[in-house]
Each structure stands twice: as structure tokens, then as C-alpha cells.
Protein backbone atom coordinates (compact mmCIF):
# COMPACT_ATOMS: atom_id res chain seq x y z
CA MET A 1 -62.47 180.57 -4.92
CA ASN A 2 -62.66 178.52 -2.17
CA ASN A 3 -61.77 179.61 1.46
CA PRO A 4 -59.67 177.17 3.33
CA SER A 5 -60.97 178.47 6.37
CA SER A 6 -64.45 177.40 5.27
CA GLN A 7 -63.43 173.71 5.41
CA PRO A 8 -63.85 171.56 8.68
CA ASN A 9 -61.18 172.35 11.29
CA GLY A 10 -59.87 174.78 8.84
CA LEU A 11 -57.98 172.26 6.79
CA ASN A 12 -58.58 171.32 3.19
CA PRO A 13 -58.81 167.48 2.23
CA GLN A 14 -54.95 167.27 1.53
CA GLY A 15 -54.23 168.52 4.89
CA ARG A 16 -56.76 166.19 6.57
CA ARG A 17 -55.35 163.31 4.84
CA ALA A 18 -51.79 164.24 6.01
CA ILE A 19 -52.86 164.24 9.31
CA GLU A 20 -54.52 160.74 9.25
CA ILE A 21 -51.44 159.36 7.64
CA VAL A 22 -49.29 160.92 10.72
CA ASN A 23 -51.73 159.64 13.18
CA ALA A 24 -51.92 156.09 11.68
CA GLY A 25 -48.04 156.12 11.67
CA LEU A 26 -48.28 157.22 15.38
CA ALA A 27 -50.51 154.50 16.16
CA ARG A 28 -48.29 151.71 14.51
CA ARG A 29 -45.20 153.31 16.69
CA TYR A 30 -46.90 153.06 19.70
CA ARG A 31 -48.08 149.66 19.03
CA LYS A 32 -44.57 148.75 18.30
CA GLU A 33 -43.29 150.46 21.35
CA ARG A 34 -46.16 148.53 23.75
CA ARG A 35 -44.73 145.26 21.85
CA PHE A 36 -41.13 146.05 22.62
CA ARG A 37 -41.90 146.75 26.21
CA LEU A 38 -43.92 143.30 26.45
CA TYR A 39 -41.02 141.59 24.97
CA GLY A 40 -38.62 143.32 27.57
CA ILE A 41 -40.75 142.35 30.52
CA SER A 42 -41.62 138.88 29.23
CA ALA A 43 -37.72 138.42 29.15
CA ILE A 44 -37.23 139.73 32.44
CA LEU A 45 -39.77 137.32 33.80
CA ALA A 46 -38.60 134.39 32.15
CA SER A 47 -34.93 135.06 33.27
CA LEU A 48 -36.55 135.36 36.99
CA LEU A 49 -38.47 132.08 36.17
CA PHE A 50 -35.25 130.19 35.22
CA LEU A 51 -33.25 131.71 38.03
CA SER A 52 -35.90 130.73 40.58
CA PHE A 53 -36.09 127.27 39.08
CA LEU A 54 -32.35 126.97 39.35
CA PHE A 55 -32.30 128.04 42.82
CA GLY A 56 -35.16 126.11 44.13
CA SER A 57 -33.29 123.02 42.52
CA ILE A 58 -30.23 123.67 44.32
CA ILE A 59 -32.03 124.53 47.54
CA SER A 60 -34.45 121.62 47.75
CA LYS A 61 -31.48 119.18 47.10
CA GLY A 62 -29.28 120.82 49.58
CA TYR A 63 -31.14 121.93 52.56
CA SER A 64 -31.01 118.65 54.11
CA ALA A 65 -27.56 118.64 54.19
CA PHE A 66 -27.58 121.17 57.01
CA GLN A 67 -28.78 118.41 59.12
CA GLN A 68 -27.05 114.95 60.22
CA THR A 69 -28.57 111.84 61.78
CA PHE A 70 -27.06 110.72 64.93
CA ILE A 71 -27.95 107.57 67.18
CA GLN A 72 -27.29 107.27 70.93
CA LEU A 73 -25.49 104.43 72.14
CA ASP A 74 -24.51 103.18 75.44
CA ILE A 75 -20.83 103.29 75.55
CA PHE A 76 -18.67 101.06 78.36
CA PHE A 77 -15.47 102.54 78.00
CA ASP A 78 -13.94 98.97 78.79
CA PRO A 79 -10.46 99.38 80.96
CA ALA A 80 -9.25 96.08 79.51
CA ILE A 81 -9.26 97.87 75.96
CA LEU A 82 -8.38 101.13 76.93
CA SER A 83 -5.29 101.08 78.95
CA GLN A 84 -3.65 104.10 80.07
CA GLU A 85 -0.14 103.17 78.11
CA SER A 86 -2.24 103.20 74.61
CA LEU A 87 -4.84 105.49 74.56
CA SER A 88 -3.99 106.88 71.22
CA THR A 89 -4.13 103.25 69.76
CA ALA A 90 -6.69 101.44 71.43
CA ASN A 91 -9.33 99.45 69.56
CA TYR A 92 -11.85 102.37 69.61
CA PRO A 93 -13.85 100.59 66.89
CA GLY A 94 -14.25 97.44 69.15
CA ILE A 95 -15.77 99.43 71.73
CA VAL A 96 -18.45 101.03 69.38
CA LYS A 97 -19.10 97.33 68.12
CA GLN A 98 -19.24 96.07 71.57
CA SER A 99 -21.96 98.62 72.44
CA LEU A 100 -24.05 97.78 69.39
CA ARG A 101 -23.75 93.86 70.30
CA GLN A 102 -25.11 94.55 73.64
CA MET A 103 -28.14 96.53 72.33
CA PHE A 104 -29.11 93.93 69.73
CA PRO A 105 -28.01 90.65 71.59
CA GLU A 106 -29.99 88.59 69.25
CA VAL A 107 -27.70 89.40 66.35
CA LYS A 108 -25.60 86.13 66.06
CA SER A 109 -24.46 85.58 62.75
CA ARG A 110 -21.33 87.21 61.23
CA GLN A 111 -23.26 88.60 58.00
CA ASP A 112 -26.04 90.48 60.33
CA LYS A 113 -23.21 91.76 62.69
CA ARG A 114 -21.69 93.37 59.70
CA MET A 115 -24.96 95.01 58.86
CA LEU A 116 -25.40 95.95 62.31
CA TYR A 117 -22.12 97.71 62.60
CA ARG A 118 -22.88 99.71 59.54
CA LEU A 119 -25.75 101.68 61.25
CA VAL A 120 -23.18 104.04 62.62
CA SER A 121 -20.30 105.95 60.92
CA SER A 122 -16.80 104.73 60.77
CA GLY A 123 -16.29 108.23 62.46
CA ALA A 124 -17.62 107.20 65.61
CA SER A 125 -14.49 105.38 66.82
CA PHE A 126 -12.74 108.86 66.16
CA GLN A 127 -15.34 110.51 68.20
CA ILE A 128 -14.88 108.24 71.31
CA ARG A 129 -11.19 108.03 70.82
CA GLN A 130 -11.16 111.97 71.29
CA MET A 131 -13.65 111.82 74.24
CA VAL A 132 -11.01 109.28 76.15
CA LEU A 133 -8.10 111.69 75.08
CA ASP A 134 -9.94 114.66 76.56
CA SER A 135 -11.37 113.07 79.87
CA PRO A 136 -9.43 109.60 80.87
CA GLU A 137 -11.42 109.47 83.89
CA MET A 138 -14.25 108.20 81.91
CA ILE A 139 -12.61 104.84 81.65
CA GLY A 140 -14.58 102.14 83.30
CA GLN A 141 -17.96 104.08 83.05
CA THR A 142 -20.84 103.57 80.87
CA LEU A 143 -21.97 106.85 79.11
CA GLN A 144 -24.89 107.53 76.84
CA VAL A 145 -23.13 109.09 73.67
CA TRP A 146 -24.66 110.24 70.38
CA VAL A 147 -22.56 109.03 67.63
CA ILE A 148 -22.68 109.91 63.89
CA ALA A 149 -24.88 107.57 61.80
CA ASP A 150 -24.00 106.01 58.69
CA ASP A 151 -24.48 107.81 55.31
CA ASP A 152 -27.28 105.25 54.58
CA ILE A 153 -29.07 105.77 57.68
CA ASP A 154 -28.96 109.35 57.36
CA MET A 155 -30.40 109.08 53.74
CA LEU A 156 -33.21 106.76 55.05
CA GLU A 157 -34.25 109.48 57.78
CA LYS A 158 -34.23 112.11 55.15
CA GLY A 159 -36.66 109.99 53.17
CA HIS A 160 -34.41 109.52 49.90
CA PHE A 161 -34.72 105.80 49.74
CA ASP A 162 -37.86 104.09 47.82
CA LEU A 163 -38.85 101.68 50.79
CA GLU A 164 -41.49 100.19 48.37
CA ALA A 165 -38.73 98.91 46.01
CA PRO A 166 -37.66 95.17 46.49
CA GLU A 167 -35.10 94.49 49.06
CA GLY A 168 -32.31 93.46 46.46
CA GLU A 169 -32.55 97.12 44.96
CA ARG A 170 -32.14 99.01 48.21
CA ARG A 171 -28.90 99.80 50.01
CA ILE A 172 -31.14 99.47 53.31
CA LYS A 173 -31.97 95.84 54.17
CA ASP A 174 -35.14 94.80 55.68
CA ILE A 175 -33.61 93.90 58.97
CA GLN A 176 -31.91 97.17 59.32
CA LEU A 177 -35.15 98.79 58.91
CA ALA A 178 -36.33 96.72 61.88
CA TRP A 179 -33.36 97.83 63.83
CA VAL A 180 -33.79 101.56 62.86
CA ASP A 181 -37.68 101.33 63.84
CA ARG A 182 -36.55 99.83 67.27
CA LEU A 183 -34.04 102.80 67.78
CA LYS A 184 -36.86 105.20 67.19
CA LYS A 185 -39.29 103.77 69.34
CA GLU A 186 -36.41 104.12 72.13
CA SER A 187 -35.80 107.51 71.09
CA ARG A 188 -32.28 106.87 70.20
CA ILE A 189 -32.12 108.43 66.66
CA GLU A 190 -32.50 112.16 65.98
CA LYS A 191 -31.41 114.83 63.59
CA ARG A 192 -29.16 117.70 64.73
CA PHE A 193 -27.59 120.70 62.88
CA ASN A 194 -24.45 119.36 60.58
CA ARG A 195 -21.59 121.21 62.44
CA ILE A 196 -19.26 118.89 60.58
CA LEU A 197 -20.19 120.28 57.24
CA PHE A 198 -18.57 123.42 58.38
CA THR A 199 -15.68 122.20 60.78
CA ALA A 200 -14.15 119.38 58.78
CA GLY A 201 -12.25 118.76 55.62
CA ASP A 202 -12.85 116.30 53.00
CA SER A 203 -13.49 112.89 53.55
CA ARG A 204 -14.37 109.56 51.50
CA GLU A 205 -17.30 109.19 54.02
CA PRO A 206 -20.27 111.53 53.03
CA GLU A 207 -21.25 112.02 56.78
CA LEU A 208 -17.52 112.97 57.65
CA ALA A 209 -17.02 115.28 54.76
CA GLY A 210 -16.99 119.14 55.19
CA ILE A 211 -16.45 122.30 53.32
CA LEU A 212 -14.00 123.81 55.94
CA GLY A 213 -10.69 122.96 54.09
CA ALA A 214 -12.23 124.14 50.67
CA VAL A 215 -13.32 127.39 52.18
CA ALA A 216 -9.78 127.96 53.94
CA GLY A 217 -8.05 127.20 50.50
CA SER A 218 -10.67 129.72 48.74
CA PHE A 219 -9.62 132.43 51.38
CA TYR A 220 -5.93 131.83 51.02
CA THR A 221 -6.04 131.95 47.14
CA LEU A 222 -8.54 135.10 47.10
CA LEU A 223 -6.19 136.81 49.37
CA VAL A 224 -3.09 136.35 47.43
CA THR A 225 -5.20 137.35 44.43
CA LEU A 226 -6.59 140.54 46.08
CA LEU A 227 -2.92 141.61 47.42
CA LEU A 228 -1.59 141.38 43.85
CA SER A 229 -4.37 142.30 41.65
CA PHE A 230 -5.74 145.30 43.28
CA PRO A 231 -2.52 147.51 43.26
CA ILE A 232 -1.13 146.36 40.14
CA GLY A 233 -4.60 146.84 38.46
CA ILE A 234 -5.15 150.35 39.83
CA ALA A 235 -1.42 151.45 39.13
CA SER A 236 -1.77 150.21 35.43
CA ALA A 237 -4.97 151.99 34.87
CA VAL A 238 -3.97 155.22 36.45
CA TYR A 239 -0.67 155.20 34.11
CA LEU A 240 -2.66 154.45 31.13
CA GLU A 241 -5.32 157.02 31.64
CA GLU A 242 -3.27 159.78 33.44
CA PHE A 243 0.37 159.66 32.26
CA ALA A 244 0.64 157.45 29.32
CA THR A 245 1.13 159.40 25.89
CA GLN A 246 -1.18 158.00 22.96
CA ASN A 247 1.04 156.24 20.66
CA ARG A 248 1.28 152.80 19.30
CA TRP A 249 2.79 151.23 22.03
CA THR A 250 -0.10 152.42 24.63
CA ASP A 251 -2.55 151.27 21.97
CA LEU A 252 -1.06 147.96 21.76
CA ILE A 253 -1.33 147.64 25.51
CA GLU A 254 -4.86 148.64 25.58
CA VAL A 255 -6.09 146.23 22.90
CA ASN A 256 -4.28 143.24 24.86
CA ILE A 257 -5.88 144.46 27.92
CA ASN A 258 -9.03 144.29 26.26
CA ASN A 259 -8.41 140.83 24.63
CA LEU A 260 -7.23 139.17 27.75
CA ALA A 261 -10.61 140.09 29.31
CA ALA A 262 -12.15 137.70 26.93
CA VAL A 263 -9.84 134.78 27.01
CA PRO A 264 -11.21 131.70 28.40
CA SER A 265 -10.31 131.01 32.01
CA ILE A 266 -8.30 127.64 31.07
CA VAL A 267 -5.93 129.32 29.21
CA PHE A 268 -4.54 131.07 32.22
CA GLY A 269 -4.49 127.68 33.71
CA LEU A 270 -2.27 126.42 30.98
CA LEU A 271 -0.01 129.38 31.67
CA GLY A 272 0.25 128.90 35.40
CA LEU A 273 1.18 125.15 34.77
CA ALA A 274 3.91 126.13 32.37
CA VAL A 275 5.30 129.12 33.90
CA PHE A 276 4.72 129.03 37.81
CA LEU A 277 5.14 125.30 38.26
CA ASN A 278 7.12 123.76 35.41
CA PHE A 279 9.53 126.95 35.10
CA PHE A 280 9.58 128.42 38.46
CA GLY A 281 9.09 125.34 40.65
CA LEU A 282 6.42 126.60 43.06
CA PRO A 283 4.55 123.92 45.13
CA ARG A 284 1.67 122.33 43.39
CA SER A 285 -1.80 122.42 44.55
CA ALA A 286 -0.81 125.50 46.66
CA PRO A 287 -3.03 128.87 47.33
CA LEU A 288 0.25 130.76 46.21
CA VAL A 289 0.07 129.49 42.62
CA GLY A 290 -3.68 129.59 42.49
CA GLY A 291 -3.70 133.23 43.52
CA LEU A 292 -1.27 133.90 41.00
CA VAL A 293 -3.18 132.43 38.30
CA LEU A 294 -6.42 134.29 39.14
CA THR A 295 -4.23 137.49 39.55
CA LEU A 296 -3.56 137.04 35.78
CA MET A 297 -7.25 136.33 35.19
CA THR A 298 -8.69 139.10 37.09
CA LEU A 299 -6.34 141.99 36.30
CA PRO A 300 -7.91 142.84 32.76
CA THR A 301 -11.28 143.22 34.57
CA ILE A 302 -9.93 145.45 37.43
CA ILE A 303 -8.11 147.56 34.99
CA ILE A 304 -11.06 148.04 32.45
CA ALA A 305 -13.47 149.11 35.48
CA SER A 306 -10.68 151.39 37.15
CA ARG A 307 -10.06 153.13 33.81
CA ALA A 308 -13.71 153.41 33.36
CA SER A 309 -13.80 155.03 36.89
CA LEU A 310 -11.20 157.38 36.27
CA GLN A 311 -12.78 158.58 32.85
CA SER A 312 -15.85 159.50 34.82
CA VAL A 313 -14.39 162.09 36.84
CA PRO A 314 -14.84 165.58 35.34
CA PRO A 315 -11.87 167.05 33.59
CA SER A 316 -12.52 170.27 35.78
CA ILE A 317 -11.39 168.27 38.77
CA ARG A 318 -8.09 167.78 37.29
CA GLU A 319 -7.91 171.49 35.93
CA ALA A 320 -8.86 173.00 39.26
CA ALA A 321 -6.25 171.13 40.94
CA LEU A 322 -3.56 171.82 38.56
CA GLY A 323 -4.54 175.38 38.38
CA ILE A 324 -3.94 175.82 42.14
CA GLY A 325 -0.44 174.55 41.96
CA ALA A 326 -0.78 170.79 42.72
CA SER A 327 1.70 168.50 40.66
CA LYS A 328 0.28 165.73 38.43
CA MET A 329 0.81 163.04 41.21
CA GLN A 330 -0.88 165.32 43.57
CA MET A 331 -3.71 165.75 41.26
CA VAL A 332 -4.23 161.89 40.68
CA THR A 333 -3.80 160.99 44.46
CA HIS A 334 -5.47 163.58 46.35
CA HIS A 335 -8.50 164.39 43.98
CA VAL A 336 -9.08 161.93 41.06
CA LEU A 337 -8.43 158.88 42.78
CA PRO A 338 -10.61 159.32 45.83
CA LEU A 339 -13.44 160.32 43.44
CA ALA A 340 -12.83 157.19 41.38
CA LEU A 341 -12.57 154.80 44.03
CA PRO A 342 -16.17 153.67 44.41
CA GLY A 343 -16.01 152.29 40.84
CA ILE A 344 -12.63 150.82 41.38
CA LEU A 345 -13.77 149.01 44.31
CA THR A 346 -16.89 147.90 42.76
CA GLY A 347 -14.94 146.48 39.82
CA THR A 348 -12.32 144.95 42.18
CA ILE A 349 -15.28 143.15 44.22
CA ILE A 350 -16.83 141.86 40.67
CA GLY A 351 -13.39 140.75 39.59
CA MET A 352 -12.73 138.65 42.94
CA ALA A 353 -16.24 137.19 42.75
CA ARG A 354 -15.56 136.04 39.58
CA ALA A 355 -12.19 134.38 40.81
CA LEU A 356 -13.94 132.78 43.66
CA GLY A 357 -16.46 130.95 41.25
CA GLU A 358 -13.52 129.70 39.05
CA SER A 359 -12.47 126.14 38.86
CA ALA A 360 -11.02 125.35 35.32
CA PRO A 361 -7.67 127.42 35.87
CA LEU A 362 -6.86 125.59 39.13
CA LEU A 363 -7.67 122.27 38.03
CA MET A 364 -4.68 122.78 35.63
CA ILE A 365 -2.38 123.63 38.57
CA GLY A 366 -3.37 120.38 40.78
CA MET A 367 -5.86 121.93 42.86
CA VAL A 368 -8.15 119.11 42.21
CA ALA A 369 -6.47 116.79 44.60
CA PHE A 370 -8.21 115.01 47.31
CA ILE A 371 -6.98 117.27 50.60
CA VAL A 372 -8.40 115.92 53.91
CA ASP A 373 -6.31 118.32 56.22
CA VAL A 374 -7.34 122.17 56.40
CA PRO A 375 -4.59 124.37 54.98
CA GLY A 376 -2.86 126.42 57.43
CA GLY A 377 -0.67 128.76 54.94
CA PHE A 378 -0.40 129.86 51.40
CA THR A 379 1.81 126.88 50.58
CA ASP A 380 -0.03 124.08 51.86
CA PRO A 381 -1.74 121.65 49.70
CA SER A 382 -5.33 122.73 49.39
CA THR A 383 -8.47 123.05 47.09
CA VAL A 384 -11.22 125.65 46.76
CA LEU A 385 -15.04 125.61 46.89
CA PRO A 386 -15.82 125.28 43.27
CA VAL A 387 -13.07 122.32 42.84
CA GLN A 388 -14.75 120.72 46.05
CA ILE A 389 -18.21 120.96 44.52
CA PHE A 390 -16.77 119.23 41.35
CA LEU A 391 -15.00 116.60 43.16
CA TRP A 392 -18.43 115.83 45.40
CA ALA A 393 -20.37 115.83 42.31
CA ASP A 394 -18.42 112.98 40.57
CA SER A 395 -19.31 110.92 43.49
CA PRO A 396 -21.42 107.82 43.49
CA GLU A 397 -22.95 108.09 47.09
CA ARG A 398 -26.28 109.49 47.42
CA ALA A 399 -25.34 111.61 50.28
CA PHE A 400 -22.58 113.48 48.25
CA VAL A 401 -25.44 114.87 46.01
CA GLU A 402 -27.08 116.67 48.99
CA ARG A 403 -23.61 117.94 49.90
CA THR A 404 -22.65 119.11 46.68
CA SER A 405 -25.98 121.14 46.61
CA ALA A 406 -25.21 122.35 50.21
CA ALA A 407 -21.82 123.71 49.26
CA THR A 408 -23.02 125.13 46.16
CA ILE A 409 -25.50 127.14 48.48
CA VAL A 410 -22.56 128.25 50.64
CA LEU A 411 -20.69 129.44 47.37
CA LEU A 412 -23.87 131.33 45.99
CA ALA A 413 -24.28 132.98 49.53
CA PHE A 414 -20.62 134.11 49.16
CA LEU A 415 -21.10 135.54 45.76
CA ILE A 416 -24.32 137.36 46.46
CA ILE A 417 -22.63 138.84 49.52
CA MET A 418 -19.62 140.00 47.44
CA ASN A 419 -21.81 141.41 44.55
CA ALA A 420 -24.31 143.07 47.21
CA SER A 421 -21.36 144.62 48.50
CA ALA A 422 -20.38 146.21 45.28
CA VAL A 423 -23.75 147.59 44.87
CA TYR A 424 -23.72 149.14 48.28
CA LEU A 425 -20.25 150.78 47.81
CA ARG A 426 -21.37 152.24 44.43
CA LYS A 427 -24.42 153.60 45.70
CA LYS A 428 -22.69 155.07 48.91
CA PHE A 429 -19.95 156.84 47.40
CA GLU A 430 -21.06 157.46 44.03
CA ARG A 431 -21.23 160.96 42.82
CA ARG A 432 -23.12 162.11 39.85
CA TRP A 433 -21.92 165.13 38.04
């Protein structure tokens, strides 16, 4: 009779065969695991590649908008034009044109003069007007003033025109190129930081358009959203998680909250149009209405995140508080809520970040209007940053393309800051049980 111990490794052929099968299976599983990890890493790298391409495309098109071309003119503040009785209504465009004619006396024909006047922006006259109103004593003097260049000249200086193309296919004519070269030789053209982009409202002229009005509108809209959605969302989550009894009514509420979180945002815009504008008669294109609409949209997100944070608090905290004589309300306010607050704040910030990037519901309540003035309150007509980007993207001028990308960069910066704040709050105050 064979002794099993006499076989190699103490195993009979059947045992060795079984081990070989197991080892082969383990090798297959290990190969599958390595392939799965490779797929995951490849997916992450592909995502980073596409994200880098997106950011690179936006930045490459928009970084030049943070600079603006200026032209130096010798402005004679002619007393014959600037009479003390009509400083606010004087012919300031005539002063700018007079300066250009003096700099280029060889320009005689009416057509050439029109092209000469298009070297500078129409906003130059408003700049001169403000200078005279601030310092009337400069009347009668000749001063060197840097004025805003026209958007075509700005695009030329930034290299966005193909100068090799035939003259008939270019917005810049050859004679204008000669004038620009002359100004360069005289050091009368330079690019500076574009403060107008951050200090002005919208405009039909690209070189005069800014995002301040849209940023102010976004601020007022998000402030209304935060003041309404934060307390209502937390109160709803606390009631459903800590006080509500489990019955059909609460089950129906929970199902509807989860469904509302997946509803397309434009549906909330239709609701705001029907209820807040048509029924209650609230002002159109106002941050107040925009905040109400975004509140309806962000409430499900805040409620779901708040409930998840409350559920993460161990039951022993509740039992210990109740065991030492605290009421249920004291247990929630003094013990549960402080521990759940980091998650609640994280969910709130993420919901606000989503509201900041929304445009579809606000288009339905009229915040797509062309708003020049910076809003000063919650009921003033205004727009928001995503809608401003939408409006500029639809404009035909080449200069609006870079301003669209620049506004997108600002919006992405705000979103990154808000999401980074959410991550910071979660890491700083999070407790692991």
C-alpha cells in the first residue's frame, strides 16, 4: 500500500492537480485585477486629459481679455467747446476727433476720417467727459491722455487678425495698419491691465463690456438662495431624521425629495415663471425671483446631504444625551447638529456652487435681458454670470470671444473656491467614529 507521505511534497497526484488548478485560478484572478486597475488608471488619466484640454482651451482664448489696448492722444480741452454752462452735455466726441485730426493732418477725405476715428473706442469721449467734470480747471490746456482703443485695434495688437489675408477680407484696412505702425513708432500704443472687465457692466462695445453687473447679480441671487435654502433645508432634514414618524406620509415626502433632486433645472424656471412672476407679480429679471427659483432647485440637495450627515452621528451620542436628562430638542441642537455640521456645510456649499453655475432656470424668469447698470439691490433688474457668458457667446464680434472665455475663467475660479471650501470644511471638522 502506497504511503501518501512518500509522494513529493507529501501530496498525491490528485492533491497536486487540485493545487495546480487553484494556482491557475489565482493567476487568472490576479491578471483580471491588474487589468481592472489598469482600466481605472486609464479612465482617470483620460479624464484628466480631457479636463486639461478644456481648461487649456478656455485659458488660451480668454487670458488676453485681461489686457486692453490704449492709445495716447494729445487732447486740447477747447474752451470754445467746453463752456462752463454745459460741461455735462458738451461735444466730447468732437474733442477726441479733433485730436486725431491734429495727429494725422494728411487725412482729408471723409471716408478716411471715419476710419481714423475708429482707431479709438466710443468710450473715449465718456472718459474725457469724466475728466472734465472731475477737474474743470484743465479747460484750455493740452494734455496727453491714454484712451481706450477700438476692439478691432485691440484684436490687431493681440494677434487675432490674419494680416496676410486680402484687404477686402479684413476688418482692418491697410491705411489703418499704417496709422497703427506710426503710433507704435511714437510709443503711443500699449497694453495695460483691463480694469474695465472688472469694474463695468455690460455694453454693446466689447472693449467697454465688463462683468461687474453680472457678478453683483450673482451675489444678490446667491444671497437670497442661501438665506432661504440653508435654514429651510436643515430644518426639513432634522424633522425627517429626528422627529418624524415612519408612515406613508413621510415616505411620500422622502420619495418626492429624492425625485426633485433629479428634476431638470429648467422645470424650476417654469415653476418660477408661473408662480412668482405671473401669480404673485414679483419684478421680472430681479435677483429676488432668481434666488427663489434657485432655492427650490437647491433644497433637495441640501436636505439629502443634511440627512446623510445626521445619520452619520452615532446613536450612542443621542442615547448618552437623553440618558443624562436632555430633552430631544436639546439632544438635537446641543449634540447632534454640531457633530453633523461639517457635512451639512459641505452639502450646502456644493448646492450653492451648483446654483452659481445655473442659467437655464434664470433664463425663464427674464434674467437674460441686456442689463448695463450694476444692480444695487434685490429688486433691481440684473443678470448673472452664466447668463452673461451665454449672451457674450452669441455676439458676433471677435473681441467678445475672449471676454466669453475670460468670464468663464472667473466663473470656474468661483466654483473651484467654493468646492475647495467644502473639502476644507469637511477635512477640518470631520470626526471618524
